[in-house]
Every structure is written in structure tokens, then in C-alpha cells.
């Protein structure tokens, strides 16, 4: 179990440090040209690379909502849920702290939103709470369906991280303007702590919506889409 939790810690650290780091360190400079597309790709690449690196140890969740949705879908033990959540949140917070330490090394640095998530005044596009809640639920549900489907025993082995990484890239391309994209409560928590906005006050939504969406995705897969993985 220790190795599993360590894998979840490092995987979540990589996701937050790489994904949010691309926003804080690179996208902040228009002349570098990565923009929303680059940030979206960075998040997808973090999951893809770490899923191959440590996914064989822990399952490669790196996200409390993913762990929850997999438990609902019957692919993860409920007794391991809280330990996974703790490892994931700690990994995200350590990544946020490391990113803050690096970013603050530049003269005149101001954290601002610090790649945090938000709605209303904290939404990149000014979207209301209802829009943020709905898009986070729908995209997390879709993410869980992709994860459950691509890791099915009926699918050729070895390709799941590619599908999952591309799905996360697509999710960011859709929702960065709305919420700055969460679908991951740990990712939201890890940077909200360091933001100089009301991100912490809105953090509840970025736990509630992904968890509800993950549960829906797990149920949709289990009830409507899952087939006999034994081939019988």
C-alpha cells in the first residue's frame, strides 16, 4: 500500500506541477505562444506520462474524483479511497508550494489567481456558478467513462494512458474559459491555497461537482455500458 500511495503522490505532484506550471510560468508570457492550447496539452501530457511511469503500481488515478468514480464503477476498493485522497491532496499541495517558490523567484511576481479554478469574477470568461457546476460535472463524468472504457479488459492493453491523456487535453480545451478547468479536486486545492483571490472560498464547487460527475460516470459505465470482460 505504501508504494501505491507514493505513486499517487508523485503522479498528482507531476500533474499539478506540470499542468499548473505551464499556466503560471509559460502561459503568463504571450510571446511564448503556448496559450490555452499549450496548457491543455500540458495537462494531458502529465497524465499520459505518469500513467505509464507509475500507473502499474497504483492504477494511475492522480485525482480524488477518479478514485471515487472507479469505486462507484466497481473497479476500486472503497477501503482504499481515503488513503488515496490524502496522498493525492498532499502531492497537489507540495506541487503548488514548489511552483510558488519557483514563480516567486522572479522580480515583481504576484500570485493573482495562480492557475486556480473559479466561477463568476474568478472565471476566465465570466461564467456563472451554475455554468461552472454543470460543465465540471459533465466533463468529469465523460472523463470517467473514457477511463473505465479504455482500461477494460476487452480493449487492447497499453493504450489507455494515451486515450486518458487526450481526453484530459480535450476537457481543458473545452472548459478553461469557463472554470480554468478542474475535474480534479486535488488539482484545485493545491493551487487555491496560494492564490491571492477568493479561490479558497469557491473550492467547495471544485470538490462537489467533480465528485458528483465521477459518480455519474461510474454509474453510467456500470449500468449501461459495461460488458462481460471475461469475453463470455
Protein backbone atom coordinates (compact mmCIF):
# COMPACT_ATOMS: atom_id res chain seq x y z
CA UNK A 1 0.00 0.00 0.00
CA UNK A 2 2.88 2.38 0.72
CA UNK A 3 4.11 2.08 -2.85
CA UNK A 4 0.62 2.74 -4.19
CA UNK A 5 0.26 5.88 -2.10
CA UNK A 6 3.73 7.05 -3.09
CA UNK A 7 2.81 6.56 -6.75
CA UNK A 8 -0.36 8.60 -6.28
CA UNK A 9 1.61 11.32 -4.51
CA UNK A 10 4.20 11.60 -7.29
CA UNK A 11 1.63 11.31 -10.06
CA UNK A 12 -0.54 14.06 -8.62
CA UNK A 13 2.52 16.20 -7.93
CA UNK A 14 3.53 15.85 -11.60
CA UNK A 15 0.04 16.70 -12.83
CA UNK A 16 -0.22 19.89 -10.76
CA UNK A 17 3.38 20.97 -11.21
CA UNK A 18 3.35 20.34 -14.96
CA UNK A 19 -0.18 21.43 -15.80
CA UNK A 20 -0.48 24.42 -13.49
CA UNK A 21 3.19 25.22 -14.04
CA UNK A 22 2.57 25.63 -17.75
CA UNK A 23 -0.09 28.22 -16.90
CA UNK A 24 1.85 30.08 -14.22
CA UNK A 25 5.31 30.04 -15.81
CA UNK A 26 4.70 29.88 -19.56
CA UNK A 27 1.18 30.97 -20.50
CA UNK A 28 1.72 34.15 -18.49
CA UNK A 29 4.04 35.30 -21.29
CA UNK A 30 2.14 35.69 -24.60
CA UNK A 31 5.38 35.83 -26.59
CA UNK A 32 5.98 32.17 -25.73
CA UNK A 33 2.80 31.34 -27.59
CA UNK A 34 1.51 28.32 -25.64
CA UNK A 35 -1.87 29.87 -24.70
CA UNK A 36 -4.90 27.79 -23.71
CA UNK A 37 -3.93 25.09 -26.20
CA UNK A 38 -0.49 24.66 -24.69
CA UNK A 39 -1.84 24.49 -21.16
CA UNK A 40 -4.44 21.94 -22.25
CA UNK A 41 -1.76 19.80 -23.83
CA UNK A 42 0.45 20.12 -20.75
CA UNK A 43 -2.27 18.68 -18.51
CA UNK A 44 -2.86 15.81 -20.91
CA UNK A 45 0.85 15.05 -21.11
CA UNK A 46 1.26 14.97 -17.34
CA UNK A 47 -1.38 12.26 -17.01
CA UNK A 48 -0.14 10.31 -20.03
CA UNK A 49 3.49 10.26 -18.92
CA UNK A 50 2.87 9.49 -15.27
CA UNK A 51 0.26 6.85 -16.10
CA UNK A 52 2.95 4.98 -17.99
CA UNK A 53 5.52 5.66 -15.25
CA UNK A 54 3.59 4.61 -12.14
CA UNK A 55 0.14 3.55 -13.31
CA UNK A 56 1.13 -0.08 -12.97
CA UNK A 57 1.72 0.49 -9.27
CA UNK A 58 -1.35 2.42 -8.15
CA UNK A 59 -3.67 2.42 -11.14
CA UNK A 60 -2.71 5.98 -12.02
CA UNK A 61 -5.64 7.90 -10.56
CA UNK A 62 -3.93 11.18 -9.53
CA UNK A 63 -7.37 12.62 -8.83
CA UNK A 64 -9.83 12.10 -5.94
CA UNK A 65 -12.76 12.20 -8.36
CA UNK A 66 -11.23 9.44 -10.48
CA UNK A 67 -10.71 7.25 -7.39
CA UNK A 68 -14.31 7.88 -6.34
CA UNK A 69 -15.73 7.18 -9.79
CA UNK A 70 -13.72 3.97 -10.11
CA UNK A 71 -15.06 2.83 -6.73
CA UNK A 72 -18.63 3.56 -7.86
CA UNK A 73 -17.92 1.68 -11.09
CA UNK A 74 -16.69 -1.35 -9.18
CA UNK A 75 -13.03 -1.01 -10.19
CA UNK A 76 -11.54 0.26 -6.94
CA UNK A 77 -11.82 -0.81 -3.30
CA UNK A 78 -13.79 1.60 -1.13
CA UNK A 79 -11.45 0.93 1.81
CA UNK A 80 -8.56 2.49 -0.14
CA UNK A 81 -10.44 5.65 -1.09
CA UNK A 82 -9.48 7.92 1.83
CA UNK A 83 -5.76 6.96 1.80
CA UNK A 84 -5.65 7.68 -1.95
CA UNK A 85 -7.35 11.04 -1.41
CA UNK A 86 -4.85 12.00 1.27
CA UNK A 87 -1.85 11.08 -0.91
CA UNK A 88 -3.32 12.94 -3.88
CA UNK A 89 -4.08 16.13 -1.97
CA UNK A 90 -0.66 16.16 -0.31
CA UNK A 91 1.01 15.69 -3.70
CA UNK A 92 -1.00 18.57 -5.13
CA UNK A 93 -0.22 20.92 -2.25
CA UNK A 94 3.51 20.11 -2.37
CA UNK A 95 3.45 20.79 -6.11
CA UNK A 96 1.68 24.09 -5.54
CA UNK A 97 4.25 25.06 -2.93
CA UNK A 98 7.16 24.16 -5.21
CA UNK A 99 5.60 26.07 -8.08
CA UNK A 100 5.03 29.11 -5.86
CA UNK A 101 8.65 29.01 -4.67
CA UNK A 102 9.88 28.98 -8.27
CA UNK A 103 7.46 31.59 -9.59
CA UNK A 104 8.20 33.96 -6.73
CA UNK A 105 11.86 33.97 -7.75
CA UNK A 106 11.01 36.48 -10.49
CA UNK A 107 11.09 40.15 -9.57
CA UNK A 108 7.64 41.68 -9.36
CA UNK A 109 5.87 38.32 -9.13
CA UNK A 110 2.26 38.49 -7.94
CA UNK A 111 0.34 35.22 -7.45
CA UNK A 112 -3.03 36.54 -8.61
CA UNK A 113 -5.20 33.58 -9.48
CA UNK A 114 -2.16 31.24 -9.57
CA UNK A 115 -3.86 28.84 -12.04
CA UNK A 116 -6.73 28.31 -9.60
CA UNK A 117 -10.30 27.48 -10.56
CA UNK A 118 -13.31 29.73 -10.19
CA UNK A 119 -16.69 30.97 -11.31
CA UNK A 120 -18.22 34.44 -11.56
CA UNK A 121 -15.47 37.02 -11.18
CA UNK A 122 -12.88 34.23 -10.96
CA UNK A 123 -13.98 32.56 -14.20
CA UNK A 124 -11.67 33.39 -17.14
CA UNK A 125 -14.76 34.03 -19.27
CA UNK A 126 -17.03 35.39 -16.54
CA UNK A 127 -19.26 32.29 -16.37
CA UNK A 128 -21.76 31.95 -13.50
CA UNK A 129 -21.74 29.32 -10.76
CA UNK A 130 -24.44 27.23 -12.47
CA UNK A 131 -22.40 27.00 -15.66
CA UNK A 132 -19.28 26.03 -13.71
CA UNK A 133 -21.15 23.36 -11.77
CA UNK A 134 -22.68 21.85 -14.89
CA UNK A 135 -19.56 21.76 -17.04
CA UNK A 136 -17.41 20.29 -14.27
CA UNK A 137 -19.99 17.54 -13.67
CA UNK A 138 -20.41 16.68 -17.36
CA UNK A 139 -16.71 16.66 -18.18
CA UNK A 140 -15.77 14.61 -15.12
CA UNK A 141 -18.48 12.07 -15.98
CA UNK A 142 -17.14 11.84 -19.51
CA UNK A 143 -13.60 11.50 -18.19
CA UNK A 144 -14.60 8.54 -16.03
CA UNK A 145 -16.31 6.84 -18.96
CA UNK A 146 -13.14 7.20 -21.02
CA UNK A 147 -11.04 5.83 -18.15
CA UNK A 148 -13.33 2.88 -17.48
CA UNK A 149 -13.69 2.09 -21.16
CA UNK A 150 -10.03 2.40 -22.12
CA UNK A 151 -8.92 0.23 -19.17
CA UNK A 152 -11.46 -2.50 -19.89
CA UNK A 153 -10.00 -5.97 -20.38
CA UNK A 154 -11.71 -6.09 -23.77
CA UNK A 155 -9.58 -3.19 -25.05
CA UNK A 156 -6.02 -3.75 -26.32
CA UNK A 157 -3.59 -3.30 -23.45
CA UNK A 158 -1.10 -0.45 -23.25
CA UNK A 159 -3.10 2.29 -24.94
CA UNK A 160 -5.22 3.53 -22.02
CA UNK A 161 -2.83 6.32 -20.95
CA UNK A 162 -2.97 7.78 -24.46
CA UNK A 163 -6.77 7.87 -24.50
CA UNK A 164 -6.90 9.26 -20.97
CA UNK A 165 -4.27 11.92 -21.65
CA UNK A 166 -6.02 13.03 -24.85
CA UNK A 167 -9.36 13.11 -23.02
CA UNK A 168 -7.90 15.41 -20.37
CA UNK A 169 -6.46 17.64 -23.10
CA UNK A 170 -9.89 17.86 -24.74
CA UNK A 171 -11.53 18.62 -21.40
CA UNK A 172 -9.19 21.57 -20.90
CA UNK A 173 -9.74 22.85 -24.42
CA UNK A 174 -13.47 22.94 -23.68
CA UNK A 175 -13.56 24.34 -20.16
CA UNK A 176 -10.57 26.59 -19.49
CA UNK A 177 -12.69 29.64 -20.43
CA UNK A 178 -15.43 28.56 -18.02
CA UNK A 179 -13.65 27.44 -14.82
CA UNK A 180 -9.97 27.26 -15.75
CA UNK A 181 -10.71 23.51 -15.66
CA UNK A 182 -10.66 21.38 -12.57
CA UNK A 183 -12.29 17.93 -12.91
CA UNK A 184 -9.81 17.18 -10.12
CA UNK A 185 -10.34 18.33 -6.51
CA UNK A 186 -6.68 17.81 -5.60
CA UNK A 187 -5.51 19.98 -8.50
CA UNK A 188 -7.91 22.72 -7.39
CA UNK A 189 -6.80 22.53 -3.76
CA UNK A 190 -3.08 22.50 -4.47
CA UNK A 191 -3.03 25.94 -6.09
CA UNK A 192 -6.03 27.63 -4.43
CA UNK A 193 -4.03 27.78 -1.20
CA UNK A 194 -1.51 30.12 -2.85
CA UNK A 195 -3.88 32.24 -4.92
CA UNK A 196 -4.50 35.86 -3.92
CA UNK A 197 -8.16 35.72 -4.90
CA UNK A 198 -11.30 34.17 -3.47
CA UNK A 199 -10.33 30.77 -4.89
CA UNK A 200 -10.44 29.05 -1.50
CA UNK A 201 -13.99 30.33 -0.92
CA UNK A 202 -15.08 28.71 -4.18
CA UNK A 203 -13.15 25.48 -3.66
CA UNK A 204 -16.29 23.65 -2.47
CA UNK A 205 -17.64 23.61 -6.03
CA UNK A 206 -14.46 22.03 -7.36
CA UNK A 207 -14.83 19.18 -4.94
CA UNK A 208 -18.60 18.76 -5.22
CA UNK A 209 -19.01 18.93 -9.00
CA UNK A 210 -16.15 16.54 -9.93
CA UNK A 211 -17.21 14.01 -7.29
CA UNK A 212 -20.84 14.07 -8.44
CA UNK A 213 -19.75 13.88 -12.07
CA UNK A 214 -17.40 11.00 -11.33
CA UNK A 215 -20.17 9.10 -9.57
CA UNK A 216 -22.45 9.64 -12.57
CA UNK A 217 -19.75 8.47 -14.97
CA UNK A 218 -19.08 5.38 -12.87
CA UNK A 219 -22.79 4.55 -12.71
CA UNK A 220 -23.35 5.13 -16.44
CA UNK A 221 -20.49 2.79 -17.24
CA UNK A 222 -21.52 0.13 -14.72
CA UNK A 223 -25.23 0.12 -15.57
CA UNK A 224 -25.38 0.98 -19.27
CA UNK A 225 -22.04 0.41 -20.94
CA UNK A 226 -20.06 -2.29 -19.16
CA UNK A 227 -19.92 -5.68 -20.86
CA UNK A 228 -18.69 -9.08 -19.74
CA UNK A 229 -14.94 -8.53 -19.56
CA UNK A 230 -14.29 -12.25 -19.41
CA UNK A 231 -15.34 -12.47 -23.04
CA UNK A 232 -18.18 -14.80 -22.17
